[in-house]
Amino acid sequence: DLARSKRFYSEGFGWAPVFENAEIAFYQMNG
């Protein structure tokens, strides 16, 4: 579930996707 996953990574870690669509979200990490 993309929305559920984005909530975990965005609200839990505080990370913002650098790209997302209906299937995938990418998070730019350090390297």
PDB file of all heavy atoms in Angstrom:
ATOM      1  N   ASP A   1       0.863  -1.184   0.000  1.00  0.00           N
ATOM      2  CA  ASP A   1       0.000   0.000   0.000  1.00  0.00           C
ATOM      3  C   ASP A   1       0.897   1.229   0.000  1.00  0.00           C
ATOM      4  O   ASP A   1       1.584   1.503   0.991  1.00  0.00           O
ATOM      5  CB  ASP A   1      -0.900  -0.041   1.234  1.00  0.00           C
ATOM      6  CG  ASP A   1      -1.872   1.107   1.319  1.00  0.00           C
ATOM      7  OD1 ASP A   1      -1.436   2.276   1.215  1.00  0.00           O
ATOM      8  OD2 ASP A   1      -3.064   0.849   1.530  1.00  0.00           O
ATOM      9  N   LEU A   2       0.890   1.980  -1.098  1.00  0.00           N
ATOM     10  CA  LEU A   2       1.797   3.121  -1.240  1.00  0.00           C
ATOM     11  C   LEU A   2       1.522   4.209  -0.205  1.00  0.00           C
ATOM     12  O   LEU A   2       2.449   4.738   0.400  1.00  0.00           O
ATOM     13  CB  LEU A   2       1.730   3.696  -2.655  1.00  0.00           C
ATOM     14  CG  LEU A   2       2.760   4.778  -2.981  1.00  0.00           C
ATOM     15  CD1 LEU A   2       4.178   4.248  -2.840  1.00  0.00           C
ATOM     16  CD2 LEU A   2       2.536   5.301  -4.392  1.00  0.00           C
ATOM     17  N   ALA A   3       0.273   4.537   0.037  1.00  0.00           N
ATOM     18  CA  ALA A   3      -0.052   5.601   1.006  1.00  0.00           C
ATOM     19  C   ALA A   3       0.410   5.206   2.407  1.00  0.00           C
ATOM     20  O   ALA A   3       0.973   6.027   3.141  1.00  0.00           O
ATOM     21  CB  ALA A   3      -1.549   5.892   0.993  1.00  0.00           C
ATOM     22  N   ARG A   4       0.173   3.960   2.779  1.00  0.00           N
ATOM     23  CA  ARG A   4       0.577   3.486   4.106  1.00  0.00           C
ATOM     24  C   ARG A   4       2.096   3.517   4.237  1.00  0.00           C
ATOM     25  O   ARG A   4       2.641   3.944   5.259  1.00  0.00           O
ATOM     26  CB  ARG A   4       0.034   2.071   4.309  1.00  0.00           C
ATOM     27  CG  ARG A   4       0.328   1.467   5.663  1.00  0.00           C
ATOM     28  CD  ARG A   4      -0.225   0.077   5.753  1.00  0.00           C
ATOM     29  NE  ARG A   4       0.589  -0.808   4.895  1.00  0.00           N
ATOM     30  CZ  ARG A   4       0.353  -2.079   4.717  1.00  0.00           C
ATOM     31  NH1 ARG A   4      -0.697  -2.654   5.286  1.00  0.00           N
ATOM     32  NH2 ARG A   4       1.139  -2.812   3.960  1.00  0.00           N
ATOM     33  N   SER A   5       2.791   3.101   3.193  1.00  0.00           N
ATOM     34  CA  SER A   5       4.248   3.117   3.203  1.00  0.00           C
ATOM     35  C   SER A   5       4.784   4.544   3.282  1.00  0.00           C
ATOM     36  O   SER A   5       5.702   4.834   4.060  1.00  0.00           O
ATOM     37  CB  SER A   5       4.772   2.436   1.938  1.00  0.00           C
ATOM     38  OG  SER A   5       6.173   2.477   1.890  1.00  0.00           O
ATOM     39  N   LYS A   6       4.206   5.456   2.493  1.00  0.00           N
ATOM     40  CA  LYS A   6       4.654   6.853   2.526  1.00  0.00           C
ATOM     41  C   LYS A   6       4.442   7.465   3.903  1.00  0.00           C
ATOM     42  O   LYS A   6       5.267   8.250   4.367  1.00  0.00           O
ATOM     43  CB  LYS A   6       3.923   7.675   1.463  1.00  0.00           C
ATOM     44  CG  LYS A   6       4.516   7.475   0.081  1.00  0.00           C
ATOM     45  CD  LYS A   6       3.790   8.221  -1.012  1.00  0.00           C
ATOM     46  CE  LYS A   6       3.205   9.518  -0.591  1.00  0.00           C
ATOM     47  NZ  LYS A   6       2.368  10.147  -1.611  1.00  0.00           N
ATOM     48  N   ARG A   7       3.372   7.104   4.578  1.00  0.00           N
ATOM     49  CA  ARG A   7       3.134   7.619   5.932  1.00  0.00           C
ATOM     50  C   ARG A   7       4.267   7.184   6.863  1.00  0.00           C
ATOM     51  O   ARG A   7       4.800   7.987   7.629  1.00  0.00           O
ATOM     52  CB  ARG A   7       1.795   7.131   6.471  1.00  0.00           C
ATOM     53  CG  ARG A   7       1.552   7.582   7.900  1.00  0.00           C
ATOM     54  CD  ARG A   7       0.157   7.178   8.410  1.00  0.00           C
ATOM     55  NE  ARG A   7       0.034   7.625   9.770  1.00  0.00           N
ATOM     56  CZ  ARG A   7      -0.067   6.806  10.821  1.00  0.00           C
ATOM     57  NH1 ARG A   7      -0.118   5.501  10.654  1.00  0.00           N
ATOM     58  NH2 ARG A   7      -0.151   7.300  12.036  1.00  0.00           N
ATOM     59  N   PHE A   8       4.648   5.905   6.798  1.00  0.00           N
ATOM     60  CA  PHE A   8       5.725   5.389   7.642  1.00  0.00           C
ATOM     61  C   PHE A   8       7.023   6.147   7.383  1.00  0.00           C
ATOM     62  O   PHE A   8       7.670   6.631   8.308  1.00  0.00           O
ATOM     63  CB  PHE A   8       5.918   3.895   7.388  1.00  0.00           C
ATOM     64  CG  PHE A   8       7.053   3.284   8.160  1.00  0.00           C
ATOM     65  CD1 PHE A   8       6.877   2.907   9.479  1.00  0.00           C
ATOM     66  CD2 PHE A   8       8.291   3.087   7.568  1.00  0.00           C
ATOM     67  CE1 PHE A   8       7.918   2.339  10.206  1.00  0.00           C
ATOM     68  CE2 PHE A   8       9.340   2.515   8.283  1.00  0.00           C
ATOM     69  CZ  PHE A   8       9.150   2.144   9.596  1.00  0.00           C
ATOM     70  N   TYR A   9       7.420   6.273   6.123  1.00  0.00           N
ATOM     71  CA  TYR A   9       8.703   6.894   5.810  1.00  0.00           C
ATOM     72  C   TYR A   9       8.668   8.415   5.961  1.00  0.00           C
ATOM     73  O   TYR A   9       9.646   9.015   6.398  1.00  0.00           O
ATOM     74  CB  TYR A   9       9.182   6.456   4.416  1.00  0.00           C
ATOM     75  CG  TYR A   9       9.590   5.002   4.440  1.00  0.00           C
ATOM     76  CD1 TYR A   9       8.725   4.006   4.009  1.00  0.00           C
ATOM     77  CD2 TYR A   9      10.812   4.619   4.970  1.00  0.00           C
ATOM     78  CE1 TYR A   9       9.084   2.666   4.088  1.00  0.00           C
ATOM     79  CE2 TYR A   9      11.179   3.281   5.051  1.00  0.00           C
ATOM     80  CZ  TYR A   9      10.303   2.319   4.616  1.00  0.00           C
ATOM     81  OH  TYR A   9      10.664   0.997   4.711  1.00  0.00           O
ATOM     82  N   SER A  10       7.557   9.048   5.631  1.00  0.00           N
ATOM     83  CA  SER A  10       7.464  10.502   5.728  1.00  0.00           C
ATOM     84  C   SER A  10       7.222  10.986   7.155  1.00  0.00           C
ATOM     85  O   SER A  10       7.894  11.898   7.628  1.00  0.00           O
ATOM     86  CB  SER A  10       6.366  11.033   4.809  1.00  0.00           C
ATOM     87  OG  SER A  10       6.699  10.770   3.463  1.00  0.00           O
ATOM     88  N   GLU A  11       6.264  10.369   7.835  1.00  0.00           N
ATOM     89  CA  GLU A  11       5.968  10.798   9.202  1.00  0.00           C
ATOM     90  C   GLU A  11       6.918  10.172  10.223  1.00  0.00           C
ATOM     91  O   GLU A  11       7.285  10.814  11.201  1.00  0.00           O
ATOM     92  CB  GLU A  11       4.522  10.463   9.565  1.00  0.00           C
ATOM     93  CG  GLU A  11       3.508  11.256   8.773  1.00  0.00           C
ATOM     94  CD  GLU A  11       2.075  10.890   9.120  1.00  0.00           C
ATOM     95  OE1 GLU A  11       1.837  10.321  10.211  1.00  0.00           O
ATOM     96  OE2 GLU A  11       1.196  11.160   8.288  1.00  0.00           O
ATOM     97  N   GLY A  12       7.304   8.924  10.003  1.00  0.00           N
ATOM     98  CA  GLY A  12       8.182   8.249  10.952  1.00  0.00           C
ATOM     99  C   GLY A  12       9.614   8.744  10.895  1.00  0.00           C
ATOM    100  O   GLY A  12      10.173   9.183  11.892  1.00  0.00           O
ATOM    101  N   PHE A  13      10.227   8.692   9.715  1.00  0.00           N
ATOM    102  CA  PHE A  13      11.606   9.142   9.546  1.00  0.00           C
ATOM    103  C   PHE A  13      11.692  10.632   9.217  1.00  0.00           C
ATOM    104  O   PHE A  13      12.731  11.242   9.374  1.00  0.00           O
ATOM    105  CB  PHE A  13      12.305   8.367   8.431  1.00  0.00           C
ATOM    106  CG  PHE A  13      12.806   7.000   8.820  1.00  0.00           C
ATOM    107  CD1 PHE A  13      12.312   5.863   8.206  1.00  0.00           C
ATOM    108  CD2 PHE A  13      13.791   6.841   9.782  1.00  0.00           C
ATOM    109  CE1 PHE A  13      12.783   4.595   8.536  1.00  0.00           C
ATOM    110  CE2 PHE A  13      14.277   5.580  10.125  1.00  0.00           C
ATOM    111  CZ  PHE A  13      13.764   4.457   9.491  1.00  0.00           C
ATOM    112  N   GLY A  14      10.605  11.186   8.677  1.00  0.00           N
ATOM    113  CA  GLY A  14      10.655  12.583   8.253  1.00  0.00           C
ATOM    114  C   GLY A  14      11.245  12.758   6.864  1.00  0.00           C
ATOM    115  O   GLY A  14      11.711  13.838   6.513  1.00  0.00           O
ATOM    116  N   TRP A  15      11.209  11.706   6.052  1.00  0.00           N
ATOM    117  CA  TRP A  15      11.777  11.759   4.705  1.00  0.00           C
ATOM    118  C   TRP A  15      10.713  12.172   3.694  1.00  0.00           C
ATOM    119  O   TRP A  15       9.564  11.781   3.788  1.00  0.00           O
ATOM    120  CB  TRP A  15      12.322  10.402   4.303  1.00  0.00           C
ATOM    121  CG  TRP A  15      13.417   9.880   5.190  1.00  0.00           C
ATOM    122  CD1 TRP A  15      14.190  10.595   6.064  1.00  0.00           C
ATOM    123  CD2 TRP A  15      13.859   8.537   5.299  1.00  0.00           C
ATOM    124  NE1 TRP A  15      15.079   9.783   6.690  1.00  0.00           N
ATOM    125  CE2 TRP A  15      14.899   8.500   6.249  1.00  0.00           C
ATOM    126  CE3 TRP A  15      13.478   7.349   4.680  1.00  0.00           C
ATOM    127  CZ2 TRP A  15      15.565   7.326   6.589  1.00  0.00           C
ATOM    128  CZ3 TRP A  15      14.144   6.182   5.016  1.00  0.00           C
ATOM    129  CH2 TRP A  15      15.178   6.175   5.960  1.00  0.00           C
ATOM    130  N   ALA A  16      11.114  12.951   2.693  1.00  0.00           N
ATOM    131  CA  ALA A  16      10.207  13.386   1.636  1.00  0.00           C
ATOM    132  C   ALA A  16      10.586  12.697   0.328  1.00  0.00           C
ATOM    133  O   ALA A  16      11.763  12.658  -0.028  1.00  0.00           O
ATOM    134  CB  ALA A  16      10.292  14.899   1.454  1.00  0.00           C
ATOM    135  N   PRO A  17       9.612  12.141  -0.380  1.00  0.00           N
ATOM    136  CA  PRO A  17       9.935  11.538  -1.674  1.00  0.00           C
ATOM    137  C   PRO A  17      10.462  12.593  -2.649  1.00  0.00           C
ATOM    138  O   PRO A  17      10.004  13.730  -2.646  1.00  0.00           O
ATOM    139  CB  PRO A  17       8.597  10.988  -2.172  1.00  0.00           C
ATOM    140  CG  PRO A  17       7.714  10.918  -0.982  1.00  0.00           C
ATOM    141  CD  PRO A  17       8.193  11.996  -0.050  1.00  0.00           C
ATOM    142  N   VAL A  18      11.432  12.194  -3.483  1.00  0.00           N
ATOM    143  CA  VAL A  18      11.925  13.079  -4.541  1.00  0.00           C
ATOM    144  C   VAL A  18      11.178  12.815  -5.832  1.00  0.00           C
ATOM    145  O   VAL A  18      11.214  13.629  -6.747  1.00  0.00           O
ATOM    146  CB  VAL A  18      13.449  12.947  -4.767  1.00  0.00           C
ATOM    147  CG1 VAL A  18      14.211  13.462  -3.565  1.00  0.00           C
ATOM    148  CG2 VAL A  18      13.838  11.525  -5.109  1.00  0.00           C
ATOM    149  N   PHE A  19      10.509  11.663  -5.897  1.00  0.00           N
ATOM    150  CA  PHE A  19       9.657  11.317  -7.027  1.00  0.00           C
ATOM    151  C   PHE A  19       8.628  10.321  -6.530  1.00  0.00           C
ATOM    152  O   PHE A  19       8.936   9.451  -5.718  1.00  0.00           O
ATOM    153  CB  PHE A  19      10.461  10.672  -8.169  1.00  0.00           C
ATOM    154  CG  PHE A  19       9.584  10.161  -9.283  1.00  0.00           C
ATOM    155  CD1 PHE A  19       9.175  11.014 -10.296  1.00  0.00           C
ATOM    156  CD2 PHE A  19       9.133   8.845  -9.299  1.00  0.00           C
ATOM    157  CE1 PHE A  19       8.342  10.554 -11.319  1.00  0.00           C
ATOM    158  CE2 PHE A  19       8.303   8.375 -10.320  1.00  0.00           C
ATOM    159  CZ  PHE A  19       7.904   9.243 -11.327  1.00  0.00           C
ATOM    160  N   GLU A  20       7.408  10.465  -7.058  1.00  0.00           N
ATOM    161  CA  GLU A  20       6.385   9.476  -6.748  1.00  0.00           C
ATOM    162  C   GLU A  20       5.330   9.484  -7.842  1.00  0.00           C
ATOM    163  O   GLU A  20       5.117  10.481  -8.517  1.00  0.00           O
ATOM    164  CB  GLU A  20       5.742   9.735  -5.388  1.00  0.00           C
ATOM    165  CG  GLU A  20       5.066  11.087  -5.255  1.00  0.00           C
ATOM    166  CD  GLU A  20       4.555  11.321  -3.842  1.00  0.00           C
ATOM    167  OE1 GLU A  20       3.563  10.668  -3.456  1.00  0.00           O
ATOM    168  OE2 GLU A  20       5.141  12.160  -3.150  1.00  0.00           O
ATOM    169  N   ASN A  21       4.723   8.310  -8.026  1.00  0.00           N
ATOM    170  CA  ASN A  21       3.558   8.197  -8.886  1.00  0.00           C
ATOM    171  C   ASN A  21       2.599   7.221  -8.210  1.00  0.00           C
ATOM    172  O   ASN A  21       2.716   6.989  -7.006  1.00  0.00           O
ATOM    173  CB  ASN A  21       3.958   7.793 -10.318  1.00  0.00           C
ATOM    174  CG  ASN A  21       4.625   6.434 -10.403  1.00  0.00           C
ATOM    175  OD1 ASN A  21       4.412   5.557  -9.565  1.00  0.00           O
ATOM    176  ND2 ASN A  21       5.439   6.248 -11.424  1.00  0.00           N
ATOM    177  N   ALA A  22       1.691   6.633  -8.927  1.00  0.00           N
ATOM    178  CA  ALA A  22       0.694   5.752  -8.312  1.00  0.00           C
ATOM    179  C   ALA A  22       1.272   4.410  -7.872  1.00  0.00           C
ATOM    180  O   ALA A  22       0.610   3.668  -7.147  1.00  0.00           O
ATOM    181  CB  ALA A  22      -0.457   5.521  -9.294  1.00  0.00           C
ATOM    182  N   GLU A  23       2.503   4.087  -8.281  1.00  0.00           N
ATOM    183  CA  GLU A  23       3.095   2.782  -7.979  1.00  0.00           C
ATOM    184  C   GLU A  23       4.325   2.823  -7.097  1.00  0.00           C
ATOM    185  O   GLU A  23       4.658   1.837  -6.449  1.00  0.00           O
ATOM    186  CB  GLU A  23       3.525   2.083  -9.282  1.00  0.00           C
ATOM    187  CG  GLU A  23       2.432   1.825 -10.247  1.00  0.00           C
ATOM    188  CD  GLU A  23       2.970   1.244 -11.556  1.00  0.00           C
ATOM    189  OE1 GLU A  23       4.208   1.142 -11.741  1.00  0.00           O
ATOM    190  OE2 GLU A  23       2.133   0.880 -12.393  1.00  0.00           O
ATOM    191  N   ILE A  24       5.044   3.942  -7.096  1.00  0.00           N
ATOM    192  CA  ILE A  24       6.375   3.961  -6.489  1.00  0.00           C
ATOM    193  C   ILE A  24       6.665   5.308  -5.853  1.00  0.00           C
ATOM    194  O   ILE A  24       6.130   6.337  -6.286  1.00  0.00           O
ATOM    195  CB  ILE A  24       7.451   3.626  -7.554  1.00  0.00           C
ATOM    196  CG1 ILE A  24       8.768   3.226  -6.908  1.00  0.00           C
ATOM    197  CG2 ILE A  24       7.604   4.735  -8.570  1.00  0.00           C
ATOM    198  CD1 ILE A  24       9.728   2.536  -7.861  1.00  0.00           C
ATOM    199  N   ALA A  25       7.497   5.292  -4.834  1.00  0.00           N
ATOM    200  CA  ALA A  25       8.035   6.527  -4.256  1.00  0.00           C
ATOM    201  C   ALA A  25       9.540   6.327  -4.101  1.00  0.00           C
ATOM    202  O   ALA A  25       9.991   5.269  -3.638  1.00  0.00           O
ATOM    203  CB  ALA A  25       7.398   6.834  -2.908  1.00  0.00           C
ATOM    204  N   PHE A  26      10.308   7.325  -4.505  1.00  0.00           N
ATOM    205  CA  PHE A  26      11.763   7.303  -4.353  1.00  0.00           C
ATOM    206  C   PHE A  26      12.165   8.359  -3.337  1.00  0.00           C
ATOM    207  O   PHE A  26      11.674   9.488  -3.379  1.00  0.00           O
ATOM    208  CB  PHE A  26      12.466   7.603  -5.684  1.00  0.00           C
ATOM    209  CG  PHE A  26      12.423   6.489  -6.673  1.00  0.00           C
ATOM    210  CD1 PHE A  26      11.745   6.647  -7.876  1.00  0.00           C
ATOM    211  CD2 PHE A  26      13.068   5.286  -6.427  1.00  0.00           C
ATOM    212  CE1 PHE A  26      11.715   5.630  -8.813  1.00  0.00           C
ATOM    213  CE2 PHE A  26      13.041   4.258  -7.362  1.00  0.00           C
ATOM    214  CZ  PHE A  26      12.358   4.433  -8.555  1.00  0.00           C
ATOM    215  N   TYR A  27      13.093   7.981  -2.458  1.00  0.00           N
ATOM    216  CA  TYR A  27      13.630   8.876  -1.439  1.00  0.00           C
ATOM    217  C   TYR A  27      15.128   9.008  -1.692  1.00  0.00           C
ATOM    218  O   TYR A  27      15.836   8.008  -1.757  1.00  0.00           O
ATOM    219  CB  TYR A  27      13.403   8.305  -0.029  1.00  0.00           C
ATOM    220  CG  TYR A  27      11.949   8.077   0.279  1.00  0.00           C
ATOM    221  CD1 TYR A  27      11.308   6.901  -0.092  1.00  0.00           C
ATOM    222  CD2 TYR A  27      11.202   9.053   0.933  1.00  0.00           C
ATOM    223  CE1 TYR A  27       9.961   6.691   0.187  1.00  0.00           C
ATOM    224  CE2 TYR A  27       9.856   8.847   1.216  1.00  0.00           C
ATOM    225  CZ  TYR A  27       9.247   7.662   0.835  1.00  0.00           C
ATOM    226  OH  TYR A  27       7.916   7.465   1.109  1.00  0.00           O
ATOM    227  N   GLN A  28      15.598  10.252  -1.857  1.00  0.00           N
ATOM    228  CA  GLN A  28      17.032  10.482  -2.042  1.00  0.00           C
ATOM    229  C   GLN A  28      17.711  10.323  -0.692  1.00  0.00           C
ATOM    230  O   GLN A  28      17.378  11.019   0.263  1.00  0.00           O
ATOM    231  CB  GLN A  28      17.298  11.883  -2.594  1.00  0.00           C
ATOM    232  CG  GLN A  28      18.773  12.180  -2.806  1.00  0.00           C
ATOM    233  CD  GLN A  28      19.389  11.282  -3.852  1.00  0.00           C
ATOM    234  OE1 GLN A  28      18.956  11.253  -4.996  1.00  0.00           O
ATOM    235  NE2 GLN A  28      20.423  10.532  -3.469  1.00  0.00           N
ATOM    236  N   MET A  29      18.633   9.389  -0.617  1.00  0.00           N
ATOM    237  CA  MET A  29      19.359   9.149   0.613  1.00  0.00           C
ATOM    238  C   MET A  29      20.750   9.755   0.476  1.00  0.00           C
ATOM    239  O   MET A  29      21.032  10.451  -0.484  1.00  0.00           O
ATOM    240  CB  MET A  29      19.422   7.638   0.882  1.00  0.00           C
ATOM    241  CG  MET A  29      18.049   6.944   0.831  1.00  0.00           C
ATOM    242  SD  MET A  29      16.798   7.627   1.924  1.00  0.00           S
ATOM    243  CE  MET A  29      17.344   6.953   3.476  1.00  0.00           C
ATOM    244  N   ASN A  30      21.595   9.478   1.414  1.00  0.00           N
ATOM    245  CA  ASN A  30      22.959  10.007   1.364  1.00  0.00           C
ATOM    246  C   ASN A  30      23.856   9.064   0.564  1.00  0.00           C
ATOM    247  O   ASN A  30      24.601   8.272   1.109  1.00  0.00           O
ATOM    248  CB  ASN A  30      23.500  10.215   2.775  1.00  0.00           C
ATOM    249  CG  ASN A  30      23.345   8.970   3.640  1.00  0.00           C
ATOM    250  OD1 ASN A  30      22.620   8.055   3.286  1.00  0.00           O
ATOM    251  ND2 ASN A  30      24.015   8.919   4.764  1.00  0.00           N
ATOM    252  N   GLY A  31      23.772   9.157  -0.734  1.00  0.00           N
ATOM    253  CA  GLY A  31      24.621   8.368  -1.602  1.00  0.00           C
ATOM    254  C   GLY A  31      23.899   7.280  -2.377  1.00  0.00           C
ATOM    255  O   GLY A  31      24.506   6.609  -3.203  1.00  0.00           O
TER     256      GLY A  31
END
